[in-house]
Amino acid sequence: MVEIGGKPMLWHIMNIYAAYGYKEFVVALGYKGEIIRIIFSINMHHTRNLTVNLNNGKGDRSWRKWPGLIVHLLDTGTDTQTGGRINV
């Protein structure tokens, strides 16, 4: 994934849409979709606040930058062509 200023281009695109009120995103993954999953997994752990209750061991994570943001990473299969990913 191409980075701009140390962040993936997809992050910048989502940040622009989030600034206009869009809080839910669907990313259709296919060939090399695991790269996007890895990037979201790594960033999820480094861009969240984490609260742990030491009495019961329960934790709560919240986004520092985008509260309420929901990202769906959907696997459409490695053989699905680009048009097949947007077909409903």
PDB file of N, CA and C in Angstrom:
ATOM      1  N   MET A   1       0.836  -1.174   0.000  1.00  0.00           N
ATOM      2  CA  MET A   1       0.000   0.000   0.000  1.00  0.00           C
ATOM      3  C   MET A   1       0.885   1.244   0.000  1.00  0.00           C
ATOM      4  N   VAL A   2       0.557   2.152  -0.861  1.00  0.00           N
ATOM      5  CA  VAL A   2       1.314   3.387  -0.984  1.00  0.00           C
ATOM      6  C   VAL A   2       1.086   4.234   0.268  1.00  0.00           C
ATOM      7  N   GLU A   3       2.176   4.740   0.820  1.00  0.00           N
ATOM      8  CA  GLU A   3       2.078   5.579   2.014  1.00  0.00           C
ATOM      9  C   GLU A   3       2.312   7.040   1.663  1.00  0.00           C
ATOM     10  N   ILE A   4       1.582   7.896   2.342  1.00  0.00           N
ATOM     11  CA  ILE A   4       1.768   9.349   2.242  1.00  0.00           C
ATOM     12  C   ILE A   4       1.926   9.847   3.661  1.00  0.00           C
ATOM     13  N   GLY A   5       3.060  10.416   3.957  1.00  0.00           N
ATOM     14  CA  GLY A   5       3.307  10.911   5.305  1.00  0.00           C
ATOM     15  C   GLY A   5       3.300   9.816   6.361  1.00  0.00           C
ATOM     16  N   GLY A   6       3.706   8.615   5.972  1.00  0.00           N
ATOM     17  CA  GLY A   6       3.775   7.508   6.918  1.00  0.00           C
ATOM     18  C   GLY A   6       2.471   6.773   7.148  1.00  0.00           C
ATOM     19  N   LYS A   7       1.401   7.161   6.459  1.00  0.00           N
ATOM     20  CA  LYS A   7       0.096   6.503   6.586  1.00  0.00           C
ATOM     21  C   LYS A   7      -0.336   5.997   5.214  1.00  0.00           C
ATOM     22  N   PRO A   8      -1.037   4.847   5.173  1.00  0.00           N
ATOM     23  CA  PRO A   8      -1.521   4.334   3.886  1.00  0.00           C
ATOM     24  C   PRO A   8      -2.507   5.301   3.230  1.00  0.00           C
ATOM     25  N   MET A   9      -2.525   5.331   1.898  1.00  0.00           N
ATOM     26  CA  MET A   9      -3.421   6.216   1.170  1.00  0.00           C
ATOM     27  C   MET A   9      -4.882   5.953   1.558  1.00  0.00           C
ATOM     28  N   LEU A  10      -5.232   4.691   1.793  1.00  0.00           N
ATOM     29  CA  LEU A  10      -6.592   4.351   2.206  1.00  0.00           C
ATOM     30  C   LEU A  10      -6.965   5.073   3.498  1.00  0.00           C
ATOM     31  N   TRP A  11      -6.032   5.194   4.426  1.00  0.00           N
ATOM     32  CA  TRP A  11      -6.272   5.905   5.684  1.00  0.00           C
ATOM     33  C   TRP A  11      -6.634   7.361   5.401  1.00  0.00           C
ATOM     34  N   HIS A  12      -5.896   8.001   4.478  1.00  0.00           N
ATOM     35  CA  HIS A  12      -6.168   9.401   4.143  1.00  0.00           C
ATOM     36  C   HIS A  12      -7.550   9.565   3.509  1.00  0.00           C
ATOM     37  N   ILE A  13      -7.907   8.636   2.615  1.00  0.00           N
ATOM     38  CA  ILE A  13      -9.224   8.702   1.964  1.00  0.00           C
ATOM     39  C   ILE A  13     -10.325   8.571   3.009  1.00  0.00           C
ATOM     40  N   MET A  14     -10.183   7.612   3.902  1.00  0.00           N
ATOM     41  CA  MET A  14     -11.193   7.420   4.939  1.00  0.00           C
ATOM     42  C   MET A  14     -11.245   8.612   5.889  1.00  0.00           C
ATOM     43  N   ASN A  15     -10.111   9.206   6.165  1.00  0.00           N
ATOM     44  CA  ASN A  15     -10.055  10.382   7.033  1.00  0.00           C
ATOM     45  C   ASN A  15     -10.816  11.558   6.419  1.00  0.00           C
ATOM     46  N   ILE A  16     -10.686  11.736   5.114  1.00  0.00           N
ATOM     47  CA  ILE A  16     -11.410  12.814   4.426  1.00  0.00           C
ATOM     48  C   ILE A  16     -12.917  12.578   4.522  1.00  0.00           C
ATOM     49  N   TYR A  17     -13.361  11.351   4.223  1.00  0.00           N
ATOM     50  CA  TYR A  17     -14.790  11.039   4.319  1.00  0.00           C
ATOM     51  C   TYR A  17     -15.298  11.157   5.750  1.00  0.00           C
ATOM     52  N   ALA A  18     -14.498  10.739   6.732  1.00  0.00           N
ATOM     53  CA  ALA A  18     -14.902  10.835   8.137  1.00  0.00           C
ATOM     54  C   ALA A  18     -15.099  12.287   8.550  1.00  0.00           C
ATOM     55  N   ALA A  19     -14.296  13.188   7.987  1.00  0.00           N
ATOM     56  CA  ALA A  19     -14.432  14.609   8.297  1.00  0.00           C
ATOM     57  C   ALA A  19     -15.778  15.159   7.829  1.00  0.00           C
ATOM     58  N   TYR A  20     -16.397  14.508   6.828  1.00  0.00           N
ATOM     59  CA  TYR A  20     -17.696  14.932   6.314  1.00  0.00           C
ATOM     60  C   TYR A  20     -18.848  14.117   6.905  1.00  0.00           C
ATOM     61  N   GLY A  21     -18.559  13.337   7.956  1.00  0.00           N
ATOM     62  CA  GLY A  21     -19.618  12.648   8.671  1.00  0.00           C
ATOM     63  C   GLY A  21     -19.793  11.180   8.358  1.00  0.00           C
ATOM     64  N   TYR A  22     -19.056  10.653   7.402  1.00  0.00           N
ATOM     65  CA  TYR A  22     -19.164   9.227   7.098  1.00  0.00           C
ATOM     66  C   TYR A  22     -18.392   8.441   8.150  1.00  0.00           C
ATOM     67  N   LYS A  23     -19.070   7.548   8.843  1.00  0.00           N
ATOM     68  CA  LYS A  23     -18.441   6.823   9.949  1.00  0.00           C
ATOM     69  C   LYS A  23     -18.384   5.318   9.724  1.00  0.00           C
ATOM     70  N   GLU A  24     -18.953   4.837   8.615  1.00  0.00           N
ATOM     71  CA  GLU A  24     -18.945   3.403   8.351  1.00  0.00           C
ATOM     72  C   GLU A  24     -18.435   3.159   6.937  1.00  0.00           C
ATOM     73  N   PHE A  25     -17.477   2.245   6.821  1.00  0.00           N
ATOM     74  CA  PHE A  25     -16.833   1.957   5.547  1.00  0.00           C
ATOM     75  C   PHE A  25     -16.857   0.467   5.272  1.00  0.00           C
ATOM     76  N   VAL A  26     -16.985   0.106   4.003  1.00  0.00           N
ATOM     77  CA  VAL A  26     -16.894  -1.284   3.564  1.00  0.00           C
ATOM     78  C   VAL A  26     -15.732  -1.364   2.586  1.00  0.00           C
ATOM     79  N   VAL A  27     -14.770  -2.219   2.892  1.00  0.00           N
ATOM     80  CA  VAL A  27     -13.611  -2.412   2.024  1.00  0.00           C
ATOM     81  C   VAL A  27     -13.677  -3.843   1.490  1.00  0.00           C
ATOM     82  N   ALA A  28     -13.886  -3.986   0.175  1.00  0.00           N
ATOM     83  CA  ALA A  28     -13.964  -5.298  -0.453  1.00  0.00           C
ATOM     84  C   ALA A  28     -12.543  -5.782  -0.750  1.00  0.00           C
ATOM     85  N   LEU A  29     -12.174  -6.888  -0.121  1.00  0.00           N
ATOM     86  CA  LEU A  29     -10.816  -7.407  -0.249  1.00  0.00           C
ATOM     87  C   LEU A  29     -10.780  -8.593  -1.193  1.00  0.00           C
ATOM     88  N   GLY A  30      -9.728  -8.674  -1.950  1.00  0.00           N
ATOM     89  CA  GLY A  30      -9.505  -9.804  -2.847  1.00  0.00           C
ATOM     90  C   GLY A  30      -8.041 -10.177  -2.811  1.00  0.00           C
ATOM     91  N   TYR A  31      -7.409 -10.152  -3.978  1.00  0.00           N
ATOM     92  CA  TYR A  31      -5.993 -10.478  -4.096  1.00  0.00           C
ATOM     93  C   TYR A  31      -5.174  -9.557  -3.190  1.00  0.00           C
ATOM     94  N   LYS A  32      -4.344 -10.124  -2.356  1.00  0.00           N
ATOM     95  CA  LYS A  32      -3.507  -9.410  -1.390  1.00  0.00           C
ATOM     96  C   LYS A  32      -4.315  -8.620  -0.359  1.00  0.00           C
ATOM     97  N   GLY A  33      -5.539  -9.038  -0.108  1.00  0.00           N
ATOM     98  CA  GLY A  33      -6.371  -8.397   0.908  1.00  0.00           C
ATOM     99  C   GLY A  33      -5.786  -8.530   2.300  1.00  0.00           C
ATOM    100  N   GLU A  34      -4.934  -9.561   2.493  1.00  0.00           N
ATOM    101  CA  GLU A  34      -4.327  -9.747   3.815  1.00  0.00           C
ATOM    102  C   GLU A  34      -3.443  -8.564   4.196  1.00  0.00           C
ATOM    103  N   ILE A  35      -2.910  -7.858   3.218  1.00  0.00           N
ATOM    104  CA  ILE A  35      -2.073  -6.685   3.512  1.00  0.00           C
ATOM    105  C   ILE A  35      -2.921  -5.604   4.187  1.00  0.00           C
ATOM    106  N   ILE A  36      -4.125  -5.391   3.677  1.00  0.00           N
ATOM    107  CA  ILE A  36      -5.011  -4.389   4.277  1.00  0.00           C
ATOM    108  C   ILE A  36      -5.436  -4.847   5.667  1.00  0.00           C
ATOM    109  N   ARG A  37      -5.725  -6.148   5.823  1.00  0.00           N
ATOM    110  CA  ARG A  37      -6.081  -6.668   7.150  1.00  0.00           C
ATOM    111  C   ARG A  37      -4.948  -6.445   8.150  1.00  0.00           C
ATOM    112  N   ILE A  38      -3.720  -6.713   7.732  1.00  0.00           N
ATOM    113  CA  ILE A  38      -2.555  -6.533   8.608  1.00  0.00           C
ATOM    114  C   ILE A  38      -2.409  -5.070   9.001  1.00  0.00           C
ATOM    115  N   ILE A  39      -2.545  -4.175   8.026  1.00  0.00           N
ATOM    116  CA  ILE A  39      -2.408  -2.742   8.314  1.00  0.00           C
ATOM    117  C   ILE A  39      -3.464  -2.294   9.321  1.00  0.00           C
ATOM    118  N   PHE A  40      -4.714  -2.735   9.141  1.00  0.00           N
ATOM    119  CA  PHE A  40      -5.759  -2.363  10.089  1.00  0.00           C
ATOM    120  C   PHE A  40      -5.514  -2.998  11.447  1.00  0.00           C
ATOM    121  N   SER A  41      -5.038  -4.231  11.474  1.00  0.00           N
ATOM    122  CA  SER A  41      -4.765  -4.901  12.754  1.00  0.00           C
ATOM    123  C   SER A  41      -3.668  -4.185  13.516  1.00  0.00           C
ATOM    124  N   ILE A  42      -2.590  -3.837  12.837  1.00  0.00           N
ATOM    125  CA  ILE A  42      -1.474  -3.147  13.489  1.00  0.00           C
ATOM    126  C   ILE A  42      -1.919  -1.769  13.968  1.00  0.00           C
ATOM    127  N   ASN A  43      -2.572  -1.020  13.095  1.00  0.00           N
ATOM    128  CA  ASN A  43      -2.987   0.329  13.463  1.00  0.00           C
ATOM    129  C   ASN A  43      -4.061   0.325  14.535  1.00  0.00           C
ATOM    130  N   MET A  44      -4.903  -0.726  14.567  1.00  0.00           N
ATOM    131  CA  MET A  44      -5.945  -0.801  15.581  1.00  0.00           C
ATOM    132  C   MET A  44      -5.329  -0.815  16.974  1.00  0.00           C
ATOM    133  N   HIS A  45      -4.230  -1.540  17.118  1.00  0.00           N
ATOM    134  CA  HIS A  45      -3.608  -1.647  18.437  1.00  0.00           C
ATOM    135  C   HIS A  45      -2.805  -0.403  18.811  1.00  0.00           C
ATOM    136  N   HIS A  46      -2.389   0.374  17.827  1.00  0.00           N
ATOM    137  CA  HIS A  46      -1.542   1.530  18.116  1.00  0.00           C
ATOM    138  C   HIS A  46      -2.298   2.853  18.096  1.00  0.00           C
ATOM    139  N   THR A  47      -3.549   2.862  17.622  1.00  0.00           N
ATOM    140  CA  THR A  47      -4.289   4.124  17.540  1.00  0.00           C
ATOM    141  C   THR A  47      -5.533   4.111  18.406  1.00  0.00           C
ATOM    142  N   ARG A  48      -5.566   3.228  19.383  1.00  0.00           N
ATOM    143  CA  ARG A  48      -6.717   3.157  20.275  1.00  0.00           C
ATOM    144  C   ARG A  48      -6.290   3.458  21.695  1.00  0.00           C
ATOM    145  N   ASN A  49      -7.225   3.982  22.457  1.00  0.00           N
ATOM    146  CA  ASN A  49      -7.051   4.069  23.900  1.00  0.00           C
ATOM    147  C   ASN A  49      -7.469   2.728  24.480  1.00  0.00           C
ATOM    148  N   LEU A  50      -6.803   2.284  25.490  1.00  0.00           N
ATOM    149  CA  LEU A  50      -7.114   1.009  26.111  1.00  0.00           C
ATOM    150  C   LEU A  50      -7.308   1.226  27.599  1.00  0.00           C
ATOM    151  N   THR A  51      -8.466   0.777  28.104  1.00  0.00           N
ATOM    152  CA  THR A  51      -8.751   0.850  29.525  1.00  0.00           C
ATOM    153  C   THR A  51      -8.929  -0.568  30.029  1.00  0.00           C
ATOM    154  N   VAL A  52      -8.217  -0.937  31.078  1.00  0.00           N
ATOM    155  CA  VAL A  52      -8.316  -2.270  31.655  1.00  0.00           C
ATOM    156  C   VAL A  52      -8.708  -2.143  33.114  1.00  0.00           C
ATOM    157  N   ASN A  53      -9.772  -2.845  33.510  1.00  0.00           N
ATOM    158  CA  ASN A  53     -10.195  -2.897  34.901  1.00  0.00           C
ATOM    159  C   ASN A  53      -9.424  -4.046  35.550  1.00  0.00           C
ATOM    160  N   LEU A  54      -8.502  -3.736  36.436  1.00  0.00           N
ATOM    161  CA  LEU A  54      -7.666  -4.760  37.044  1.00  0.00           C
ATOM    162  C   LEU A  54      -8.415  -5.624  38.054  1.00  0.00           C
ATOM    163  N   ASN A  55      -9.604  -5.184  38.465  1.00  0.00           N
ATOM    164  CA  ASN A  55     -10.404  -5.993  39.387  1.00  0.00           C
ATOM    165  C   ASN A  55     -11.022  -7.202  38.692  1.00  0.00           C
ATOM    166  N   ASN A  56     -11.508  -7.003  37.458  1.00  0.00           N
ATOM    167  CA  ASN A  56     -12.177  -8.107  36.767  1.00  0.00           C
ATOM    168  C   ASN A  56     -11.520  -8.480  35.438  1.00  0.00           C
ATOM    169  N   GLY A  57     -10.495  -7.760  35.022  1.00  0.00           N
ATOM    170  CA  GLY A  57      -9.769  -8.091  33.795  1.00  0.00           C
ATOM    171  C   GLY A  57     -10.460  -7.657  32.518  1.00  0.00           C
ATOM    172  N   LYS A  58     -11.586  -6.970  32.615  1.00  0.00           N
ATOM    173  CA  LYS A  58     -12.300  -6.526  31.415  1.00  0.00           C
ATOM    174  C   LYS A  58     -11.634  -5.282  30.847  1.00  0.00           C
ATOM    175  N   GLY A  59     -11.629  -5.212  29.521  1.00  0.00           N
ATOM    176  CA  GLY A  59     -11.006  -4.075  28.865  1.00  0.00           C
ATOM    177  C   GLY A  59     -11.965  -3.368  27.931  1.00  0.00           C
ATOM    178  N   ASP A  60     -11.621  -2.152  27.603  1.00  0.00           N
ATOM    179  CA  ASP A  60     -12.403  -1.358  26.666  1.00  0.00           C
ATOM    180  C   ASP A  60     -11.433  -0.612  25.769  1.00  0.00           C
ATOM    181  N   ARG A  61     -11.666  -0.672  24.468  1.00  0.00           N
ATOM    182  CA  ARG A  61     -10.823   0.054  23.509  1.00  0.00           C
ATOM    183  C   ARG A  61     -11.668   1.108  22.825  1.00  0.00           C
ATOM    184  N   SER A  62     -11.098   2.273  22.623  1.00  0.00           N
ATOM    185  CA  SER A  62     -11.800   3.331  21.905  1.00  0.00           C
ATOM    186  C   SER A  62     -10.802   4.048  21.007  1.00  0.00           C
ATOM    187  N   TRP A  63     -11.290   4.462  19.828  1.00  0.00           N
ATOM    188  CA  TRP A  63     -10.428   5.170  18.877  1.00  0.00           C
ATOM    189  C   TRP A  63     -10.122   6.560  19.401  1.00  0.00           C
ATOM    190  N   ARG A  64      -8.870   6.954  19.340  1.00  0.00           N
ATOM    191  CA  ARG A  64      -8.495   8.321  19.720  1.00  0.00           C
ATOM    192  C   ARG A  64      -8.886   9.281  18.615  1.00  0.00           C
ATOM    193  N   LYS A  65      -8.611   8.908  17.377  1.00  0.00           N
ATOM    194  CA  LYS A  65      -8.805   9.820  16.259  1.00  0.00           C
ATOM    195  C   LYS A  65     -10.244   9.821  15.754  1.00  0.00           C
ATOM    196  N   TRP A  66     -10.842   8.625  15.597  1.00  0.00           N
ATOM    197  CA  TRP A  66     -12.175   8.529  15.003  1.00  0.00           C
ATOM    198  C   TRP A  66     -13.132   7.811  15.933  1.00  0.00           C
ATOM    199  N   PRO A  67     -13.749   8.476  16.869  1.00  0.00           N
ATOM    200  CA  PRO A  67     -14.721   7.773  17.709  1.00  0.00           C
ATOM    201  C   PRO A  67     -15.918   7.340  16.864  1.00  0.00           C
ATOM    202  N   GLY A  68     -16.357   6.104  17.037  1.00  0.00           N
ATOM    203  CA  GLY A  68     -17.524   5.607  16.325  1.00  0.00           C
ATOM    204  C   GLY A  68     -17.263   5.110  14.917  1.00  0.00           C
ATOM    205  N   LEU A  69     -16.042   5.089  14.459  1.00  0.00           N
ATOM    206  CA  LEU A  69     -15.735   4.638  13.108  1.00  0.00           C
ATOM    207  C   LEU A  69     -15.882   3.124  13.022  1.00  0.00           C
ATOM    208  N   ILE A  70     -16.561   2.649  11.976  1.00  0.00           N
ATOM    209  CA  ILE A  70     -16.728   1.218  11.743  1.00  0.00           C
ATOM    210  C   ILE A  70     -16.177   0.897  10.362  1.00  0.00           C
ATOM    211  N   VAL A  71     -15.289  -0.097  10.297  1.00  0.00           N
ATOM    212  CA  VAL A  71     -14.703  -0.519   9.026  1.00  0.00           C
ATOM    213  C   VAL A  71     -14.974  -2.004   8.853  1.00  0.00           C
ATOM    214  N   HIS A  72     -15.655  -2.360   7.765  1.00  0.00           N
ATOM    215  CA  HIS A  72     -15.931  -3.752   7.436  1.00  0.00           C
ATOM    216  C   HIS A  72     -14.918  -4.191   6.380  1.00  0.00           C
ATOM    217  N   LEU A  73     -14.111  -5.176   6.699  1.00  0.00           N
ATOM    218  CA  LEU A  73     -13.158  -5.740   5.740  1.00  0.00           C
ATOM    219  C   LEU A  73     -13.755  -7.050   5.237  1.00  0.00           C
ATOM    220  N   LEU A  74     -14.312  -7.041   4.033  1.00  0.00           N
ATOM    221  CA  LEU A  74     -15.036  -8.189   3.497  1.00  0.00           C
ATOM    222  C   LEU A  74     -14.195  -8.923   2.466  1.00  0.00           C
ATOM    223  N   ASP A  75     -14.057 -10.225   2.654  1.00  0.00           N
ATOM    224  CA  ASP A  75     -13.297 -11.055   1.727  1.00  0.00           C
ATOM    225  C   ASP A  75     -14.207 -11.471   0.581  1.00  0.00           C
ATOM    226  N   THR A  76     -13.895 -11.020  -0.634  1.00  0.00           N
ATOM    227  CA  THR A  76     -14.694 -11.356  -1.803  1.00  0.00           C
ATOM    228  C   THR A  76     -14.069 -12.490  -2.600  1.00  0.00           C
ATOM    229  N   GLY A  77     -12.921 -12.979  -2.157  1.00  0.00           N
ATOM    230  CA  GLY A  77     -12.255 -14.080  -2.855  1.00  0.00           C
ATOM    231  C   GLY A  77     -11.161 -13.573  -3.773  1.00  0.00           C
ATOM    232  N   THR A  78     -10.144 -14.370  -3.912  1.00  0.00           N
ATOM    233  CA  THR A  78      -8.995 -13.940  -4.721  1.00  0.00           C
ATOM    234  C   THR A  78      -9.279 -13.974  -6.215  1.00  0.00           C
ATOM    235  N   ASP A  79     -10.283 -14.728  -6.656  1.00  0.00           N
ATOM    236  CA  ASP A  79     -10.572 -14.838  -8.085  1.00  0.00           C
ATOM    237  C   ASP A  79     -11.623 -13.854  -8.563  1.00  0.00           C
ATOM    238  N   THR A  80     -12.227 -13.092  -7.655  1.00  0.00           N
ATOM    239  CA  THR A  80     -13.259 -12.128  -8.034  1.00  0.00           C
ATOM    240  C   THR A  80     -12.613 -10.934  -8.734  1.00  0.00           C
ATOM    241  N   GLN A  81     -13.132 -10.603  -9.891  1.00  0.00           N
ATOM    242  CA  GLN A  81     -12.634  -9.442 -10.631  1.00  0.00           C
ATOM    243  C   GLN A  81     -13.122  -8.168  -9.966  1.00  0.00           C
ATOM    244  N   THR A  82     -12.526  -7.042 -10.315  1.00  0.00           N
ATOM    245  CA  THR A  82     -12.860  -5.761  -9.689  1.00  0.00           C
ATOM    246  C   THR A  82     -14.353  -5.449  -9.783  1.00  0.00           C
ATOM    247  N   GLY A  83     -14.962  -5.637 -10.941  1.00  0.00           N
ATOM    248  CA  GLY A  83     -16.390  -5.372 -11.113  1.00  0.00           C
ATOM    249  C   GLY A  83     -17.257  -6.270 -10.265  1.00  0.00           C
ATOM    250  N   GLY A  84     -16.805  -7.480 -10.002  1.00  0.00           N
ATOM    251  CA  GLY A  84     -17.549  -8.414  -9.166  1.00  0.00           C
ATOM    252  C   GLY A  84     -17.599  -7.979  -7.716  1.00  0.00           C
ATOM    253  N   ARG A  85     -16.648  -7.200  -7.293  1.00  0.00           N
ATOM    254  CA  ARG A  85     -16.623  -6.715  -5.912  1.00  0.00           C
ATOM    255  C   ARG A  85     -17.650  -5.635  -5.658  1.00  0.00           C
ATOM    256  N   ILE A  86     -18.032  -4.905  -6.680  1.00  0.00           N
ATOM    257  CA  ILE A  86     -19.013  -3.842  -6.485  1.00  0.00           C
ATOM    258  C   ILE A  86     -20.407  -4.282  -6.929  1.00  0.00           C
ATOM    259  N   ASN A  87     -20.533  -5.478  -7.499  1.00  0.00           N
ATOM    260  CA  ASN A  87     -21.816  -6.006  -7.915  1.00  0.00           C
ATOM    261  C   ASN A  87     -22.631  -6.404  -6.686  1.00  0.00           C
ATOM    262  N   VAL A  88     -23.860  -5.989  -6.635  1.00  0.00           N
ATOM    263  CA  VAL A  88     -24.694  -6.279  -5.468  1.00  0.00           C
ATOM    264  C   VAL A  88     -25.426  -7.581  -5.635  1.00  0.00           C
TER     265      VAL A  88
END
